[in-house]
Every structure is written in C-alpha cells, then in structure tokens.
Amino acid sequence: SLLCLNMRYKWTALQIEEKRRKVAKTSAEDLNTKDKCGLEVKSSNRQGDSDLGNYFQSLLQQKRDSRADLQNSIKTSTRQFLEDSKDDSCSICLSDFINKKQLKCKHAFCEGCLQNAIKTCGPICPICKDVFGVMKGNQPDGTMTWNKYPLSLPGFPYNGHILITYDIPSGKQTEDHPEPGQYYGGTTRIAYLPDNKEGNEVLLLLKKAFDQKLIFTVGTSRTTGMDNMVTWNDINHKTSMTGGPQCFGYPDENYLSRVKEQLKAKGIQ
C-alpha cells in the first residue's frame, strides 16, 4: 500500500506540472495576441494621424499659394502703375511733361524742372544720382602742386608718400558764390597720399576734380565757424601723416577706395 501511495503521489505531481505548463503556454499566447492587437491598433492610429496631418498640410499649402499669388499680383500692379505714372508725369513737379527730356539713365523730366535741378545740384539725375554731364564747381582760382618723398605712411610701409599743396588766395565772390561782391578768405592746405599705384590713381582724379573746381567752395569754415571762407567741398583729404581717421591721418585702410567713391559721385572717374 505504501508503494501504491508513492506511485499515486508521483502521478498527481506529473498531472499538476502538465497543467501548469498548459496554463503558462496559454497565458503567453494570450499576451502575445494582445501585443499584436495593440501594435495593430497603434499602427492604425499612426496611419490615421498621418492622413489627418497630410490633409491640414495641404490646406496650409493652399493658403500659402493663395497668399503668394495675391502678393505677386499686388507687386505686378504696383510696378505697372509706377511705370505708367513715370511715363505720364515728371518726377519733380508730378505734372504732365512740358518739353520732356529723358536722360541716359532713362529717367525723364520737364525741361524747366531739369534745368532748375542742374542749377541746384549740377548735372546729376535727381532720382538715381547718375552724372550725365561735366560737373563744374564754384571753387575760386588757385593752384595744386605735389611732390614725392621716400618717407612711408602708416599702413604703407613699402612706399613713399605724395605731398599735395593747394593754394587758394583770398578774393571777391562771384555770382556763383553765396554772397556775390563780398570778399572771401583764402587758404593753403596740404594732403598726403601713399606713393603706390592706387595712390597715384587718386592723385590724377584729384587733379581732374581740382580743374573742374570741385575740391573747394566758399562757405562757413567747419573748424573756425567763420563765414565767407574757402572750405573743403565734401571730398575727404588726409591732412596728417599719422593719427588715424579721427585725426584725418593714416593708417586708414579704406581711405583710397572711399575717396574714389566720393569723386565718382561728382562724375570724376
């Protein structure tokens, strides 16, 4: 009987172990099925979100396209309006042309309006500032001379320098000056350039500007505040060898290109 009990115990243990394995297997299959379902649901949700996002992106793009078309239409209409207005009226008096005169830059004005502009600013287009003739200033008579020396300027260690001397004697103002008949005070000024290729180019441009009476004018001195004096006419000169830009001297690496632009604005190039 003891042997029978022992065998029955082993048989029962085997049955329990078999049932435990079946339960474990069933649970694993159920869990796996849930995972798959969950993944399928998530995938389905992602697909729905993607479709909805694409729909809204499409709407936004349509709005952007419509806005861009509207902006382009406004720009085109505005440009056409300005071109039509430019063809129909003078840009100075804003009225219909009287003896229309068109410059080489294609801007057009009434003949009288253009002549008044030339008297005030010289032969420069009032719109684009293009020079269309030879500019003449009101610089009093004088002389411009120069000499070359071996001493270098700061910033140009391998070149000598050019010393320019301007001499404008005192005299009586003409009709081109602020107070015709009044006397003006003359001046003697010096200026420095590096004796290199670009420096010599600027020297020739300054000589051309001097011959066209553009270097000096008659007005109020910026240093003394006195009226009826010969003064610089907006073309920068280096009146000191050292001290940098704040002292009107060198070094100043952009000076030569800057003064060429100032000369170009007066038709000197």
C-alpha atoms as a PDB file:
ATOM      1  CA  SER A   1       0.000   0.000   0.000  1.00  0.00           C
ATOM      2  CA  LEU A   2       2.890   2.322   0.694  1.00  0.00           C
ATOM      3  CA  LEU A   3       4.182   1.688  -2.811  1.00  0.00           C
ATOM      4  CA  CYS A   4       0.776   2.478  -4.285  1.00  0.00           C
ATOM      5  CA  LEU A   5       0.603   5.751  -2.386  1.00  0.00           C
ATOM      6  CA  ASN A   6       4.046   6.716  -3.615  1.00  0.00           C
ATOM      7  CA  MET A   7       3.146   5.989  -7.243  1.00  0.00           C
ATOM      8  CA  ARG A   8      -0.150   7.877  -6.895  1.00  0.00           C
ATOM      9  CA  TYR A   9       1.755  10.892  -5.494  1.00  0.00           C
ATOM     10  CA  LYS A  10       4.175  10.926  -8.421  1.00  0.00           C
ATOM     11  CA  TRP A  11       1.297  10.637 -10.905  1.00  0.00           C
ATOM     12  CA  THR A  12      -0.539  13.531  -9.285  1.00  0.00           C
ATOM     13  CA  ALA A  13       2.640  15.644  -9.325  1.00  0.00           C
ATOM     14  CA  LEU A  14       3.104  14.951 -13.030  1.00  0.00           C
ATOM     15  CA  GLN A  15      -0.505  15.960 -13.749  1.00  0.00           C
ATOM     16  CA  ILE A  16      -0.085  19.210 -11.779  1.00  0.00           C
ATOM     17  CA  GLU A  17       3.147  20.036 -13.647  1.00  0.00           C
ATOM     18  CA  GLU A  18       1.467  19.337 -17.003  1.00  0.00           C
ATOM     19  CA  LYS A  19      -1.464  21.617 -16.126  1.00  0.00           C
ATOM     20  CA  ARG A  20       0.953  24.365 -15.013  1.00  0.00           C
ATOM     21  CA  ARG A  21       2.758  24.180 -18.357  1.00  0.00           C
ATOM     22  CA  LYS A  22      -0.513  24.383 -20.292  1.00  0.00           C
ATOM     23  CA  VAL A  23      -1.636  27.417 -18.283  1.00  0.00           C
ATOM     24  CA  ALA A  24       1.709  29.111 -18.793  1.00  0.00           C
ATOM     25  CA  LYS A  25       1.581  28.419 -22.549  1.00  0.00           C
ATOM     26  CA  THR A  26      -1.992  29.711 -22.824  1.00  0.00           C
ATOM     27  CA  SER A  27      -1.097  32.878 -20.908  1.00  0.00           C
ATOM     28  CA  ALA A  28       1.900  33.510 -23.157  1.00  0.00           C
ATOM     29  CA  GLU A  29      -0.232  33.077 -26.294  1.00  0.00           C
ATOM     30  CA  ASP A  30      -2.889  35.427 -24.920  1.00  0.00           C
ATOM     31  CA  LEU A  31      -0.256  38.006 -24.040  1.00  0.00           C
ATOM     32  CA  ASN A  32       1.306  37.715 -27.482  1.00  0.00           C
ATOM     33  CA  THR A  33      -2.100  38.150 -29.093  1.00  0.00           C
ATOM     34  CA  LYS A  34      -2.743  41.297 -27.023  1.00  0.00           C
ATOM     35  CA  ASP A  35       0.622  42.696 -28.044  1.00  0.00           C
ATOM     36  CA  LYS A  36      -0.150  42.097 -31.684  1.00  0.00           C
ATOM     37  CA  CYS A  37      -3.549  43.700 -31.348  1.00  0.00           C
ATOM     38  CA  GLY A  38      -2.025  46.628 -29.546  1.00  0.00           C
ATOM     39  CA  LEU A  39       0.554  47.049 -32.269  1.00  0.00           C
ATOM     40  CA  GLU A  40      -2.115  46.846 -34.919  1.00  0.00           C
ATOM     41  CA  VAL A  41      -4.190  49.464 -33.129  1.00  0.00           C
ATOM     42  CA  LYS A  42      -1.183  51.725 -32.744  1.00  0.00           C
ATOM     43  CA  SER A  43      -0.282  51.279 -36.397  1.00  0.00           C
ATOM     44  CA  SER A  44      -3.841  52.087 -37.330  1.00  0.00           C
ATOM     45  CA  ASN A  45      -3.746  55.203 -35.143  1.00  0.00           C
ATOM     46  CA  ARG A  46      -0.484  56.320 -36.741  1.00  0.00           C
ATOM     47  CA  GLN A  47      -1.953  55.928 -40.200  1.00  0.00           C
ATOM     48  CA  GLY A  48      -4.987  57.996 -39.205  1.00  0.00           C
ATOM     49  CA  ASP A  49      -2.813  60.720 -37.685  1.00  0.00           C
ATOM     50  CA  SER A  50      -0.669  60.784 -40.832  1.00  0.00           C
ATOM     51  CA  ASP A  51      -3.696  61.168 -43.111  1.00  0.00           C
ATOM     52  CA  LEU A  52      -5.096  63.962 -40.953  1.00  0.00           C
ATOM     53  CA  GLY A  53      -1.715  65.722 -40.852  1.00  0.00           C
ATOM     54  CA  ASN A  54      -1.376  65.499 -44.624  1.00  0.00           C
ATOM     55  CA  TYR A  55      -4.850  66.986 -45.000  1.00  0.00           C
ATOM     56  CA  PHE A  56      -4.022  70.005 -42.839  1.00  0.00           C
ATOM     57  CA  GLN A  57      -0.644  70.428 -44.550  1.00  0.00           C
ATOM     58  CA  SER A  58      -2.460  70.511 -47.874  1.00  0.00           C
ATOM     59  CA  LEU A  59      -4.830  73.211 -46.592  1.00  0.00           C
ATOM     60  CA  LEU A  60      -1.930  75.299 -45.275  1.00  0.00           C
ATOM     61  CA  GLN A  61      -0.056  74.990 -48.562  1.00  0.00           C
ATOM     62  CA  GLN A  62      -3.149  76.113 -50.474  1.00  0.00           C
ATOM     63  CA  LYS A  63      -3.377  79.194 -48.241  1.00  0.00           C
ATOM     64  CA  ARG A  64       0.317  79.934 -48.738  1.00  0.00           C
ATOM     65  CA  ASP A  65      -0.040  79.601 -52.502  1.00  0.00           C
ATOM     66  CA  SER A  66      -3.074  81.900 -52.494  1.00  0.00           C
ATOM     67  CA  ARG A  67      -1.236  84.475 -50.385  1.00  0.00           C
ATOM     68  CA  ALA A  68       1.842  84.319 -52.640  1.00  0.00           C
ATOM     69  CA  ASP A  69      -0.335  84.755 -55.733  1.00  0.00           C
ATOM     70  CA  LEU A  70      -2.008  87.783 -54.131  1.00  0.00           C
ATOM     71  CA  GLN A  71       1.338  89.346 -53.188  1.00  0.00           C
ATOM     72  CA  ASN A  72       2.729  88.797 -56.684  1.00  0.00           C
ATOM     73  CA  SER A  73      -0.400  90.322 -58.173  1.00  0.00           C
ATOM     74  CA  ILE A  74      -0.061  93.407 -55.936  1.00  0.00           C
ATOM     75  CA  LYS A  75       3.627  93.791 -56.822  1.00  0.00           C
ATOM     76  CA  THR A  76       2.906  93.483 -60.527  1.00  0.00           C
ATOM     77  CA  SER A  77       0.063  96.003 -60.358  1.00  0.00           C
ATOM     78  CA  THR A  78       2.158  98.449 -58.317  1.00  0.00           C
ATOM     79  CA  ARG A  79       5.105  98.148 -60.698  1.00  0.00           C
ATOM     80  CA  GLN A  80       2.858  98.698 -63.681  1.00  0.00           C
ATOM     81  CA  PHE A  81       1.243 101.706 -62.001  1.00  0.00           C
ATOM     82  CA  LEU A  82       4.627 103.254 -61.249  1.00  0.00           C
ATOM     83  CA  GLU A  83       5.839 102.641 -64.782  1.00  0.00           C
ATOM     84  CA  ASP A  84       2.675 104.169 -66.222  1.00  0.00           C
ATOM     85  CA  SER A  85       2.982 107.144 -63.873  1.00  0.00           C
ATOM     86  CA  LYS A  86       6.637 107.557 -64.810  1.00  0.00           C
ATOM     87  CA  ASP A  87       5.691 107.622 -68.473  1.00  0.00           C
ATOM     88  CA  ASP A  88       2.917 110.166 -67.927  1.00  0.00           C
ATOM     89  CA  SER A  89       4.344 112.714 -65.492  1.00  0.00           C
ATOM     90  CA  CYS A  90       7.512 114.483 -64.393  1.00  0.00           C
ATOM     91  CA  SER A  91       9.078 113.091 -61.215  1.00  0.00           C
ATOM     92  CA  ILE A  92       9.947 116.603 -59.997  1.00  0.00           C
ATOM     93  CA  CYS A  93       6.709 118.582 -60.455  1.00  0.00           C
ATOM     94  CA  LEU A  94       4.468 115.461 -60.623  1.00  0.00           C
ATOM     95  CA  SER A  95       2.549 117.024 -63.516  1.00  0.00           C
ATOM     96  CA  ASP A  96       2.302 116.198 -67.200  1.00  0.00           C
ATOM     97  CA  PHE A  97       5.531 116.712 -69.110  1.00  0.00           C
ATOM     98  CA  ILE A  98       6.312 120.079 -70.655  1.00  0.00           C
ATOM     99  CA  ASN A  99       9.105 119.610 -73.214  1.00  0.00           C
ATOM    100  CA  LYS A 100      10.004 116.150 -71.935  1.00  0.00           C
ATOM    101  CA  LYS A 101      13.744 115.476 -71.529  1.00  0.00           C
ATOM    102  CA  GLN A 102      14.986 111.919 -70.982  1.00  0.00           C
ATOM    103  CA  LEU A 103      18.442 111.249 -69.530  1.00  0.00           C
ATOM    104  CA  LYS A 104      20.740 108.351 -70.416  1.00  0.00           C
ATOM    105  CA  CYS A 105      19.588 106.614 -67.218  1.00  0.00           C
ATOM    106  CA  LYS A 106      16.053 106.624 -68.763  1.00  0.00           C
ATOM    107  CA  HIS A 107      14.552 108.976 -66.160  1.00  0.00           C
ATOM    108  CA  ALA A 108      12.580 111.836 -67.719  1.00  0.00           C
ATOM    109  CA  PHE A 109      11.662 115.361 -66.566  1.00  0.00           C
ATOM    110  CA  CYS A 110      10.202 118.599 -67.813  1.00  0.00           C
ATOM    111  CA  GLU A 111      12.905 120.681 -69.456  1.00  0.00           C
ATOM    112  CA  GLY A 112      12.378 123.543 -66.993  1.00  0.00           C
ATOM    113  CA  CYS A 113      12.400 121.232 -63.960  1.00  0.00           C
ATOM    114  CA  LEU A 114      15.616 119.609 -65.131  1.00  0.00           C
ATOM    115  CA  GLN A 115      17.335 122.954 -65.697  1.00  0.00           C
ATOM    116  CA  ASN A 116      16.418 124.092 -62.182  1.00  0.00           C
ATOM    117  CA  ALA A 117      17.781 120.826 -60.776  1.00  0.00           C
ATOM    118  CA  ILE A 118      21.036 121.297 -62.685  1.00  0.00           C
ATOM    119  CA  LYS A 119      21.430 124.820 -61.283  1.00  0.00           C
ATOM    120  CA  THR A 120      20.979 123.480 -57.756  1.00  0.00           C
ATOM    121  CA  CYS A 121      22.848 120.155 -57.835  1.00  0.00           C
ATOM    122  CA  GLY A 122      24.722 120.061 -61.133  1.00  0.00           C
ATOM    123  CA  PRO A 123      24.242 117.558 -63.990  1.00  0.00           C
ATOM    124  CA  ILE A 124      23.072 114.737 -61.723  1.00  0.00           C
ATOM    125  CA  CYS A 125      19.851 112.769 -62.158  1.00  0.00           C
ATOM    126  CA  PRO A 126      17.545 113.795 -59.276  1.00  0.00           C
ATOM    127  CA  ILE A 127      16.351 110.187 -58.909  1.00  0.00           C
ATOM    128  CA  CYS A 128      19.320 107.817 -59.329  1.00  0.00           C
ATOM    129  CA  LYS A 129      22.175 110.373 -58.949  1.00  0.00           C
ATOM    130  CA  ASP A 130      23.756 109.308 -62.231  1.00  0.00           C
ATOM    131  CA  VAL A 131      26.065 112.024 -63.594  1.00  0.00           C
ATOM    132  CA  PHE A 132      25.072 112.903 -67.163  1.00  0.00           C
ATOM    133  CA  GLY A 133      27.423 115.803 -67.864  1.00  0.00           C
ATOM    134  CA  VAL A 134      30.616 117.514 -66.754  1.00  0.00           C
ATOM    135  CA  MET A 135      30.230 118.894 -63.260  1.00  0.00           C
ATOM    136  CA  LYS A 136      31.675 122.321 -62.563  1.00  0.00           C
ATOM    137  CA  GLY A 137      32.032 123.727 -59.076  1.00  0.00           C
ATOM    138  CA  ASN A 138      32.470 127.269 -57.757  1.00  0.00           C
ATOM    139  CA  GLN A 139      35.983 126.788 -56.402  1.00  0.00           C
ATOM    140  CA  PRO A 140      37.928 130.075 -56.589  1.00  0.00           C
ATOM    141  CA  ASP A 141      41.052 130.216 -58.727  1.00  0.00           C
ATOM    142  CA  GLY A 142      44.183 128.708 -57.232  1.00  0.00           C
ATOM    143  CA  THR A 143      46.929 126.137 -57.716  1.00  0.00           C
ATOM    144  CA  MET A 144      47.513 122.469 -56.963  1.00  0.00           C
ATOM    145  CA  THR A 145      51.070 121.114 -56.814  1.00  0.00           C
ATOM    146  CA  TRP A 146      52.660 117.944 -55.437  1.00  0.00           C
ATOM    147  CA  ASN A 147      55.999 116.365 -54.596  1.00  0.00           C
ATOM    148  CA  LYS A 148      57.089 112.829 -53.748  1.00  0.00           C
ATOM    149  CA  TYR A 149      59.153 111.809 -50.712  1.00  0.00           C
ATOM    150  CA  PRO A 150      60.656 108.470 -49.558  1.00  0.00           C
ATOM    151  CA  LEU A 151      59.167 108.520 -46.037  1.00  0.00           C
ATOM    152  CA  SER A 152      56.353 105.957 -45.757  1.00  0.00           C
ATOM    153  CA  LEU A 153      52.890 106.480 -44.321  1.00  0.00           C
ATOM    154  CA  PRO A 154      51.443 104.213 -41.587  1.00  0.00           C
ATOM    155  CA  GLY A 155      49.794 101.281 -43.341  1.00  0.00           C
ATOM    156  CA  PHE A 156      52.037 101.595 -46.423  1.00  0.00           C
ATOM    157  CA  PRO A 157      55.475 100.516 -45.155  1.00  0.00           C
ATOM    158  CA  TYR A 158      56.955  99.772 -48.591  1.00  0.00           C
ATOM    159  CA  ASN A 159      56.020 103.036 -50.314  1.00  0.00           C
ATOM    160  CA  GLY A 160      56.987 106.657 -50.035  1.00  0.00           C
ATOM    161  CA  HIS A 161      54.360 109.384 -49.900  1.00  0.00           C
ATOM    162  CA  ILE A 162      52.948 112.154 -52.083  1.00  0.00           C
ATOM    163  CA  LEU A 163      52.560 115.620 -50.559  1.00  0.00           C
ATOM    164  CA  ILE A 164      49.863 117.736 -52.248  1.00  0.00           C
ATOM    165  CA  THR A 165      49.741 121.505 -51.717  1.00  0.00           C
ATOM    166  CA  TYR A 166      46.637 123.555 -52.520  1.00  0.00           C
ATOM    167  CA  ASP A 167      46.884 127.338 -52.572  1.00  0.00           C
ATOM    168  CA  ILE A 168      43.702 129.423 -52.945  1.00  0.00           C
ATOM    169  CA  PRO A 169      44.321 133.188 -52.492  1.00  0.00           C
ATOM    170  CA  SER A 170      41.694 135.489 -50.997  1.00  0.00           C
ATOM    171  CA  GLY A 171      39.429 137.308 -53.436  1.00  0.00           C
ATOM    172  CA  LYS A 172      35.961 138.618 -54.228  1.00  0.00           C
ATOM    173  CA  GLN A 173      32.968 136.330 -54.603  1.00  0.00           C
ATOM    174  CA  THR A 174      31.302 135.953 -57.995  1.00  0.00           C
ATOM    175  CA  GLU A 175      27.712 135.192 -58.995  1.00  0.00           C
ATOM    176  CA  ASP A 176      28.416 131.504 -58.336  1.00  0.00           C
ATOM    177  CA  HIS A 177      29.152 132.133 -54.649  1.00  0.00           C
ATOM    178  CA  PRO A 178      26.810 132.691 -51.676  1.00  0.00           C
ATOM    179  CA  GLU A 179      27.435 136.456 -51.366  1.00  0.00           C
ATOM    180  CA  PRO A 180      28.496 137.969 -54.694  1.00  0.00           C
ATOM    181  CA  GLY A 181      30.688 141.038 -54.304  1.00  0.00           C
ATOM    182  CA  GLN A 182      31.802 140.119 -50.770  1.00  0.00           C
ATOM    183  CA  TYR A 183      35.404 139.154 -50.045  1.00  0.00           C
ATOM    184  CA  TYR A 184      36.306 135.603 -49.071  1.00  0.00           C
ATOM    185  CA  GLY A 185      39.268 134.363 -47.105  1.00  0.00           C
ATOM    186  CA  GLY A 186      41.731 132.158 -48.973  1.00  0.00           C
ATOM    187  CA  THR A 187      43.562 129.099 -47.696  1.00  0.00           C
ATOM    188  CA  THR A 188      46.638 126.928 -48.114  1.00  0.00           C
ATOM    189  CA  ARG A 189      46.092 123.227 -47.449  1.00  0.00           C
ATOM    190  CA  ILE A 190      48.267 120.133 -47.662  1.00  0.00           C
ATOM    191  CA  ALA A 191      47.261 116.499 -48.095  1.00  0.00           C
ATOM    192  CA  TYR A 192      49.019 113.127 -48.165  1.00  0.00           C
ATOM    193  CA  LEU A 193      48.730 110.067 -50.401  1.00  0.00           C
ATOM    194  CA  PRO A 194      50.774 106.847 -50.483  1.00  0.00           C
ATOM    195  CA  ASP A 195      53.162 106.752 -53.432  1.00  0.00           C
ATOM    196  CA  ASN A 196      51.857 103.473 -54.865  1.00  0.00           C
ATOM    197  CA  LYS A 197      49.717 102.572 -57.878  1.00  0.00           C
ATOM    198  CA  GLU A 198      46.360 103.350 -56.258  1.00  0.00           C
ATOM    199  CA  GLY A 199      47.695 106.485 -54.592  1.00  0.00           C
ATOM    200  CA  ASN A 200      48.841 107.846 -57.957  1.00  0.00           C
ATOM    201  CA  GLU A 201      45.450 106.996 -59.484  1.00  0.00           C
ATOM    202  CA  VAL A 202      43.745 109.032 -56.755  1.00  0.00           C
ATOM    203  CA  LEU A 203      46.223 111.872 -57.354  1.00  0.00           C
ATOM    204  CA  LEU A 204      45.175 112.137 -61.013  1.00  0.00           C
ATOM    205  CA  LEU A 205      41.490 112.003 -60.044  1.00  0.00           C
ATOM    206  CA  LEU A 206      42.015 114.803 -57.518  1.00  0.00           C
ATOM    207  CA  LYS A 207      43.783 116.873 -60.192  1.00  0.00           C
ATOM    208  CA  LYS A 208      40.820 116.368 -62.524  1.00  0.00           C
ATOM    209  CA  ALA A 209      38.432 117.400 -59.751  1.00  0.00           C
ATOM    210  CA  PHE A 210      40.556 120.474 -58.998  1.00  0.00           C
ATOM    211  CA  ASP A 211      40.486 121.516 -62.663  1.00  0.00           C
ATOM    212  CA  GLN A 212      36.684 121.215 -62.585  1.00  0.00           C
ATOM    213  CA  LYS A 213      36.643 123.425 -59.463  1.00  0.00           C
ATOM    214  CA  LEU A 214      35.230 120.697 -57.212  1.00  0.00           C
ATOM    215  CA  ILE A 215      37.807 120.398 -54.406  1.00  0.00           C
ATOM    216  CA  PHE A 216      36.938 123.652 -52.600  1.00  0.00           C
ATOM    217  CA  THR A 217      33.972 126.001 -52.271  1.00  0.00           C
ATOM    218  CA  VAL A 218      33.137 129.227 -50.437  1.00  0.00           C
ATOM    219  CA  GLY A 219      31.096 128.958 -47.270  1.00  0.00           C
ATOM    220  CA  THR A 220      31.320 128.603 -43.494  1.00  0.00           C
ATOM    221  CA  SER A 221      34.502 127.077 -42.103  1.00  0.00           C
ATOM    222  CA  ARG A 222      33.831 123.875 -40.164  1.00  0.00           C
ATOM    223  CA  THR A 223      36.850 124.438 -37.932  1.00  0.00           C
ATOM    224  CA  THR A 224      36.552 128.169 -37.131  1.00  0.00           C
ATOM    225  CA  GLY A 225      32.860 128.808 -37.838  1.00  0.00           C
ATOM    226  CA  MET A 226      33.746 131.904 -39.893  1.00  0.00           C
ATOM    227  CA  ASP A 227      31.651 132.794 -42.958  1.00  0.00           C
ATOM    228  CA  ASN A 228      32.925 133.615 -46.451  1.00  0.00           C
ATOM    229  CA  MET A 229      35.886 131.274 -46.239  1.00  0.00           C
ATOM    230  CA  VAL A 230      37.376 128.786 -48.706  1.00  0.00           C
ATOM    231  CA  THR A 231      36.444 125.325 -47.381  1.00  0.00           C
ATOM    232  CA  TRP A 232      36.668 121.681 -48.425  1.00  0.00           C
ATOM    233  CA  ASN A 233      33.856 120.543 -50.737  1.00  0.00           C
ATOM    234  CA  ASP A 234      32.987 117.047 -49.427  1.00  0.00           C
ATOM    235  CA  ILE A 235      35.996 115.209 -50.883  1.00  0.00           C
ATOM    236  CA  ASN A 236      37.966 113.777 -47.976  1.00  0.00           C
ATOM    237  CA  HIS A 237      41.693 114.517 -47.749  1.00  0.00           C
ATOM    238  CA  LYS A 238      44.309 113.198 -45.363  1.00  0.00           C
ATOM    239  CA  THR A 239      45.806 116.365 -43.894  1.00  0.00           C
ATOM    240  CA  SER A 240      48.019 114.486 -41.420  1.00  0.00           C
ATOM    241  CA  MET A 241      50.517 111.660 -41.903  1.00  0.00           C
ATOM    242  CA  THR A 242      49.579 109.944 -38.642  1.00  0.00           C
ATOM    243  CA  GLY A 243      46.790 109.731 -36.083  1.00  0.00           C
ATOM    244  CA  GLY A 244      44.303 107.570 -37.964  1.00  0.00           C
ATOM    245  CA  PRO A 245      40.858 108.613 -39.250  1.00  0.00           C
ATOM    246  CA  GLN A 246      39.982 110.602 -36.116  1.00  0.00           C
ATOM    247  CA  CYS A 247      42.933 112.924 -36.828  1.00  0.00           C
ATOM    248  CA  PHE A 248      42.469 112.922 -40.635  1.00  0.00           C
ATOM    249  CA  GLY A 249      45.593 110.796 -40.966  1.00  0.00           C
ATOM    250  CA  TYR A 250      46.894 107.291 -41.560  1.00  0.00           C
ATOM    251  CA  PRO A 251      46.516 104.353 -41.095  1.00  0.00           C
ATOM    252  CA  ASP A 252      43.102 104.141 -42.753  1.00  0.00           C
ATOM    253  CA  GLU A 253      42.894 101.066 -44.967  1.00  0.00           C
ATOM    254  CA  ASN A 254      39.628 102.103 -46.662  1.00  0.00           C
ATOM    255  CA  TYR A 255      40.548 105.716 -47.404  1.00  0.00           C
ATOM    256  CA  LEU A 256      41.631 105.346 -51.039  1.00  0.00           C
ATOM    257  CA  SER A 257      38.537 103.366 -52.059  1.00  0.00           C
ATOM    258  CA  ARG A 258      36.324 105.768 -50.093  1.00  0.00           C
ATOM    259  CA  VAL A 259      37.703 108.910 -51.733  1.00  0.00           C
ATOM    260  CA  LYS A 260      37.330 107.307 -55.179  1.00  0.00           C
ATOM    261  CA  GLU A 261      33.641 106.751 -54.439  1.00  0.00           C
ATOM    262  CA  GLN A 262      33.289 110.401 -53.392  1.00  0.00           C
ATOM    263  CA  LEU A 263      34.950 111.512 -56.614  1.00  0.00           C
ATOM    264  CA  LYS A 264      32.764 109.169 -58.660  1.00  0.00           C
ATOM    265  CA  ALA A 265      29.669 110.781 -57.128  1.00  0.00           C
ATOM    266  CA  LYS A 266      30.871 114.047 -58.670  1.00  0.00           C
ATOM    267  CA  GLY A 267      31.457 112.461 -62.064  1.00  0.00           C
ATOM    268  CA  ILE A 268      35.222 112.058 -61.613  1.00  0.00           C
ATOM    269  CA  GLN A 269      36.394 108.575 -62.603  1.00  0.00           C
END
